[in-house]
Amino acid sequence: MYSYDTLLEECNDLEIEVYEMDNMKNKGLYADNVIWINKSLPSIIEKCCVLAEEIGHHHTTAGDILDLTSIENRKQEIKARSWAYERLIPFSKIILAHSIHITSRFELADFLNVTEEFLDAALDWYKSKYGLYVSIDNFTICFEPLGVIEMFDWIETPKFKYKA
């Protein structure tokens, strides 16, 4: 799972400077290979979610998008957020959580090292992108209600003749 520290290392590899700042209006901000994180966020897990989104801006955003009344800017905001969802909550981790018998949203958020709000937003986004479910390999991830269905590999068995 990703942690705040692993994302900070990724920023270092990408040559992005990260600063925690007091008195920020926003939770986070990205510009010109610099990320500012609001120091007063209540938990390191929330900082991790915000940092992932700001790294998403590094990968997906062009120009100044602070004016969210612009449709184009809102689209770029959604792109960065969806990048963060896919990074912190990939389908493979949802399937892994199922395989180790995680059964509640709280446990899933804890396992993924994200806030419950971030998890809910990610699941809503996945649902808007894929519909109520998505199938991957032998698994179907249902978004409403949240669950994973595992399919069996169907192998033809030889037909035996029985003698009485």
C-alpha atoms as a PDB file:
ATOM      1  CA  MET A   1       0.000   0.000   0.000  1.00  0.00           C
ATOM      2  CA  TYR A   2       1.044   3.547  -0.493  1.00  0.00           C
ATOM      3  CA  SER A   3       1.926   5.692   2.475  1.00  0.00           C
ATOM      4  CA  TYR A   4       2.703   9.367   2.793  1.00  0.00           C
ATOM      5  CA  ASP A   5       6.395   8.484   2.985  1.00  0.00           C
ATOM      6  CA  THR A   6       6.353   6.330  -0.170  1.00  0.00           C
ATOM      7  CA  LEU A   7       4.585   9.129  -2.048  1.00  0.00           C
ATOM      8  CA  LEU A   8       7.194  11.601  -0.769  1.00  0.00           C
ATOM      9  CA  GLU A   9       9.891   9.283  -2.144  1.00  0.00           C
ATOM     10  CA  GLU A  10       8.051   9.199  -5.471  1.00  0.00           C
ATOM     11  CA  CYS A  11       8.004  13.015  -5.463  1.00  0.00           C
ATOM     12  CA  ASN A  12      11.730  13.016  -4.843  1.00  0.00           C
ATOM     13  CA  ASP A  13      12.241  10.662  -7.809  1.00  0.00           C
ATOM     14  CA  LEU A  14      10.077  12.976  -9.965  1.00  0.00           C
ATOM     15  CA  GLU A  15      12.039  15.987  -8.717  1.00  0.00           C
ATOM     16  CA  ILE A  16       8.936  17.502  -7.118  1.00  0.00           C
ATOM     17  CA  GLU A  17       9.492  19.534  -3.963  1.00  0.00           C
ATOM     18  CA  VAL A  18       6.906  19.018  -1.200  1.00  0.00           C
ATOM     19  CA  TYR A  19       6.225  21.492   1.600  1.00  0.00           C
ATOM     20  CA  GLU A  20       3.737  21.398   4.442  1.00  0.00           C
ATOM     21  CA  MET A  21       2.360  24.879   5.037  1.00  0.00           C
ATOM     22  CA  ASP A  22       0.262  26.539   7.734  1.00  0.00           C
ATOM     23  CA  ASN A  23      -2.761  28.722   6.935  1.00  0.00           C
ATOM     24  CA  MET A  24      -3.613  27.254   3.539  1.00  0.00           C
ATOM     25  CA  LYS A  25      -7.133  27.678   2.162  1.00  0.00           C
ATOM     26  CA  ASN A  26      -6.872  24.427   0.208  1.00  0.00           C
ATOM     27  CA  LYS A  27      -5.877  20.948   1.325  1.00  0.00           C
ATOM     28  CA  GLY A  28      -3.142  20.904  -1.281  1.00  0.00           C
ATOM     29  CA  LEU A  29      -1.779  22.768  -4.261  1.00  0.00           C
ATOM     30  CA  TYR A  30       0.535  21.922  -7.166  1.00  0.00           C
ATOM     31  CA  ALA A  31       2.473  24.291  -9.441  1.00  0.00           C
ATOM     32  CA  ASP A  32       5.732  24.029 -11.348  1.00  0.00           C
ATOM     33  CA  ASN A  33       7.086  20.858  -9.687  1.00  0.00           C
ATOM     34  CA  VAL A  34       6.193  22.059  -6.181  1.00  0.00           C
ATOM     35  CA  ILE A  35       3.446  20.609  -3.971  1.00  0.00           C
ATOM     36  CA  TRP A  36       2.126  22.363  -0.887  1.00  0.00           C
ATOM     37  CA  ILE A  37       0.166  20.291   1.640  1.00  0.00           C
ATOM     38  CA  ASN A  38      -1.964  21.902   4.334  1.00  0.00           C
ATOM     39  CA  LYS A  39      -0.085  21.185   7.555  1.00  0.00           C
ATOM     40  CA  SER A  40      -3.281  21.296   9.619  1.00  0.00           C
ATOM     41  CA  LEU A  41      -4.917  18.284   7.940  1.00  0.00           C
ATOM     42  CA  PRO A  42      -6.120  15.984  10.734  1.00  0.00           C
ATOM     43  CA  SER A  43      -4.177  12.832   9.831  1.00  0.00           C
ATOM     44  CA  ILE A  44      -1.220  11.498   7.892  1.00  0.00           C
ATOM     45  CA  ILE A  45      -3.697   9.339   5.950  1.00  0.00           C
ATOM     46  CA  GLU A  46      -5.558  12.420   4.725  1.00  0.00           C
ATOM     47  CA  LYS A  47      -2.231  14.014   3.800  1.00  0.00           C
ATOM     48  CA  CYS A  48      -1.434  10.870   1.805  1.00  0.00           C
ATOM     49  CA  CYS A  49      -4.703  11.163  -0.149  1.00  0.00           C
ATOM     50  CA  VAL A  50      -4.103  14.858  -0.841  1.00  0.00           C
ATOM     51  CA  LEU A  51      -0.492  14.237  -1.875  1.00  0.00           C
ATOM     52  CA  ALA A  52      -1.607  11.528  -4.319  1.00  0.00           C
ATOM     53  CA  GLU A  53      -4.037  13.960  -5.937  1.00  0.00           C
ATOM     54  CA  GLU A  54      -1.358  16.642  -6.200  1.00  0.00           C
ATOM     55  CA  ILE A  55       1.004  14.125  -7.833  1.00  0.00           C
ATOM     56  CA  GLY A  56      -1.909  13.432 -10.175  1.00  0.00           C
ATOM     57  CA  HIS A  57      -1.876  17.128 -11.099  1.00  0.00           C
ATOM     58  CA  HIS A  58       1.826  16.804 -11.911  1.00  0.00           C
ATOM     59  CA  HIS A  59       1.004  14.010 -14.375  1.00  0.00           C
ATOM     60  CA  THR A  60      -2.267  15.294 -15.834  1.00  0.00           C
ATOM     61  CA  THR A  61      -2.695  19.053 -15.438  1.00  0.00           C
ATOM     62  CA  ALA A  62      -1.562  21.908 -17.661  1.00  0.00           C
ATOM     63  CA  GLY A  63      -1.673  25.551 -16.638  1.00  0.00           C
ATOM     64  CA  ASP A  64      -3.412  27.372 -13.797  1.00  0.00           C
ATOM     65  CA  ILE A  65      -6.671  25.619 -12.904  1.00  0.00           C
ATOM     66  CA  LEU A  66      -7.511  27.456  -9.676  1.00  0.00           C
ATOM     67  CA  ASP A  67     -10.674  28.953 -11.195  1.00  0.00           C
ATOM     68  CA  LEU A  68     -13.051  26.005 -10.889  1.00  0.00           C
ATOM     69  CA  THR A  69     -15.898  27.931 -12.527  1.00  0.00           C
ATOM     70  CA  SER A  70     -14.210  26.954 -15.806  1.00  0.00           C
ATOM     71  CA  ILE A  71     -15.443  23.628 -17.181  1.00  0.00           C
ATOM     72  CA  GLU A  72     -11.993  22.867 -18.607  1.00  0.00           C
ATOM     73  CA  ASN A  73     -10.380  23.447 -15.198  1.00  0.00           C
ATOM     74  CA  ARG A  74     -12.942  21.196 -13.492  1.00  0.00           C
ATOM     75  CA  LYS A  75     -12.176  18.473 -16.044  1.00  0.00           C
ATOM     76  CA  GLN A  76      -8.472  18.721 -15.205  1.00  0.00           C
ATOM     77  CA  GLU A  77      -9.284  18.576 -11.491  1.00  0.00           C
ATOM     78  CA  ILE A  78     -11.280  15.386 -12.057  1.00  0.00           C
ATOM     79  CA  LYS A  79      -8.434  13.911 -14.120  1.00  0.00           C
ATOM     80  CA  ALA A  80      -5.932  14.468 -11.304  1.00  0.00           C
ATOM     81  CA  ARG A  81      -8.335  13.107  -8.716  1.00  0.00           C
ATOM     82  CA  SER A  82      -9.061   9.999 -10.813  1.00  0.00           C
ATOM     83  CA  TRP A  83      -5.308   9.464 -11.200  1.00  0.00           C
ATOM     84  CA  ALA A  84      -5.058   9.437  -7.390  1.00  0.00           C
ATOM     85  CA  TYR A  85      -8.000   7.018  -7.074  1.00  0.00           C
ATOM     86  CA  GLU A  86      -6.417   4.576  -9.490  1.00  0.00           C
ATOM     87  CA  ARG A  87      -3.031   4.900  -7.781  1.00  0.00           C
ATOM     88  CA  LEU A  88      -4.197   4.424  -4.179  1.00  0.00           C
ATOM     89  CA  ILE A  89      -7.175   2.110  -4.814  1.00  0.00           C
ATOM     90  CA  PRO A  90      -6.358  -0.149  -7.753  1.00  0.00           C
ATOM     91  CA  PHE A  91      -8.659  -3.060  -8.485  1.00  0.00           C
ATOM     92  CA  SER A  92      -5.893  -5.496  -7.550  1.00  0.00           C
ATOM     93  CA  LYS A  93      -5.912  -4.152  -3.964  1.00  0.00           C
ATOM     94  CA  ILE A  94      -9.702  -4.440  -3.718  1.00  0.00           C
ATOM     95  CA  ILE A  95      -9.403  -8.073  -4.827  1.00  0.00           C
ATOM     96  CA  LEU A  96      -6.569  -8.657  -2.337  1.00  0.00           C
ATOM     97  CA  ALA A  97      -8.723  -7.170   0.446  1.00  0.00           C
ATOM     98  CA  HIS A  98     -11.490  -9.602  -0.516  1.00  0.00           C
ATOM     99  CA  SER A  99      -9.073 -12.537  -0.426  1.00  0.00           C
ATOM    100  CA  ILE A 100      -8.017 -11.703   3.149  1.00  0.00           C
ATOM    101  CA  HIS A 101     -11.671 -11.368   4.217  1.00  0.00           C
ATOM    102  CA  ILE A 102     -11.955  -7.613   4.736  1.00  0.00           C
ATOM    103  CA  THR A 103     -15.672  -7.057   5.147  1.00  0.00           C
ATOM    104  CA  SER A 104     -16.384  -3.378   5.855  1.00  0.00           C
ATOM    105  CA  ARG A 105     -15.662  -0.025   4.265  1.00  0.00           C
ATOM    106  CA  PHE A 106     -13.815   1.044   7.411  1.00  0.00           C
ATOM    107  CA  GLU A 107     -11.538  -2.012   7.247  1.00  0.00           C
ATOM    108  CA  LEU A 108     -11.033  -1.521   3.510  1.00  0.00           C
ATOM    109  CA  ALA A 109     -10.070   2.144   3.931  1.00  0.00           C
ATOM    110  CA  ASP A 110      -7.690   1.179   6.729  1.00  0.00           C
ATOM    111  CA  PHE A 111      -6.167  -1.623   4.627  1.00  0.00           C
ATOM    112  CA  LEU A 112      -5.683   0.738   1.661  1.00  0.00           C
ATOM    113  CA  ASN A 113      -4.325   3.541   3.876  1.00  0.00           C
ATOM    114  CA  VAL A 114      -6.935   6.045   2.673  1.00  0.00           C
ATOM    115  CA  THR A 115      -9.726   7.958   4.375  1.00  0.00           C
ATOM    116  CA  GLU A 116     -13.259   6.622   4.167  1.00  0.00           C
ATOM    117  CA  GLU A 117     -14.251   9.799   2.281  1.00  0.00           C
ATOM    118  CA  PHE A 118     -11.511   9.174  -0.299  1.00  0.00           C
ATOM    119  CA  LEU A 119     -12.603   5.534  -0.629  1.00  0.00           C
ATOM    120  CA  ASP A 120     -16.258   6.531  -1.113  1.00  0.00           C
ATOM    121  CA  ALA A 121     -15.313   9.156  -3.715  1.00  0.00           C
ATOM    122  CA  ALA A 122     -13.110   6.639  -5.544  1.00  0.00           C
ATOM    123  CA  LEU A 123     -15.898   4.035  -5.603  1.00  0.00           C
ATOM    124  CA  ASP A 124     -18.355   6.663  -6.901  1.00  0.00           C
ATOM    125  CA  TRP A 125     -15.860   7.594  -9.613  1.00  0.00           C
ATOM    126  CA  TYR A 126     -15.292   3.949 -10.579  1.00  0.00           C
ATOM    127  CA  LYS A 127     -19.070   3.472 -10.720  1.00  0.00           C
ATOM    128  CA  SER A 128     -19.441   6.507 -13.006  1.00  0.00           C
ATOM    129  CA  LYS A 129     -16.685   5.154 -15.275  1.00  0.00           C
ATOM    130  CA  TYR A 130     -17.551   1.427 -15.370  1.00  0.00           C
ATOM    131  CA  GLY A 131     -21.167   1.163 -14.224  1.00  0.00           C
ATOM    132  CA  LEU A 132     -22.264  -1.008 -11.302  1.00  0.00           C
ATOM    133  CA  TYR A 133     -19.469  -3.554 -11.746  1.00  0.00           C
ATOM    134  CA  VAL A 134     -16.255  -4.361 -13.585  1.00  0.00           C
ATOM    135  CA  SER A 135     -14.829  -7.797 -14.411  1.00  0.00           C
ATOM    136  CA  ILE A 136     -11.101  -8.463 -14.179  1.00  0.00           C
ATOM    137  CA  ASP A 137      -9.604 -11.895 -14.734  1.00  0.00           C
ATOM    138  CA  ASN A 138     -11.758 -14.275 -12.658  1.00  0.00           C
ATOM    139  CA  PHE A 139     -13.214 -11.539 -10.440  1.00  0.00           C
ATOM    140  CA  THR A 140     -16.132  -9.159 -10.637  1.00  0.00           C
ATOM    141  CA  ILE A 141     -15.950  -6.055  -8.471  1.00  0.00           C
ATOM    142  CA  CYS A 142     -19.402  -4.725  -7.649  1.00  0.00           C
ATOM    143  CA  PHE A 143     -19.540  -1.066  -6.673  1.00  0.00           C
ATOM    144  CA  GLU A 144     -23.084  -1.019  -5.307  1.00  0.00           C
ATOM    145  CA  PRO A 145     -23.268  -2.804  -3.006  1.00  0.00           C
ATOM    146  CA  LEU A 146     -19.508  -3.061  -2.654  1.00  0.00           C
ATOM    147  CA  GLY A 147     -18.279  -6.625  -3.039  1.00  0.00           C
ATOM    148  CA  VAL A 148     -16.080  -8.984  -5.003  1.00  0.00           C
ATOM    149  CA  ILE A 149     -17.295 -12.126  -6.722  1.00  0.00           C
ATOM    150  CA  GLU A 150     -14.729 -14.767  -7.581  1.00  0.00           C
ATOM    151  CA  MET A 151     -15.436 -16.988 -10.572  1.00  0.00           C
ATOM    152  CA  PHE A 152     -14.203 -20.525 -10.925  1.00  0.00           C
ATOM    153  CA  ASP A 153     -12.141 -21.587 -13.917  1.00  0.00           C
ATOM    154  CA  TRP A 154     -14.414 -23.930 -15.823  1.00  0.00           C
ATOM    155  CA  ILE A 155     -12.440 -26.948 -16.951  1.00  0.00           C
ATOM    156  CA  GLU A 156     -14.064 -29.682 -18.949  1.00  0.00           C
ATOM    157  CA  THR A 157     -13.821 -32.961 -17.118  1.00  0.00           C
ATOM    158  CA  PRO A 158     -13.695 -36.238 -18.985  1.00  0.00           C
ATOM    159  CA  LYS A 159     -16.923 -38.167 -19.109  1.00  0.00           C
ATOM    160  CA  PHE A 160     -16.710 -41.520 -17.330  1.00  0.00           C
ATOM    161  CA  LYS A 161     -18.750 -44.576 -17.985  1.00  0.00           C
ATOM    162  CA  TYR A 162     -19.806 -46.342 -14.853  1.00  0.00           C
ATOM    163  CA  LYS A 163     -20.213 -50.083 -14.653  1.00  0.00           C
ATOM    164  CA  ALA A 164     -22.777 -51.412 -12.269  1.00  0.00           C
END
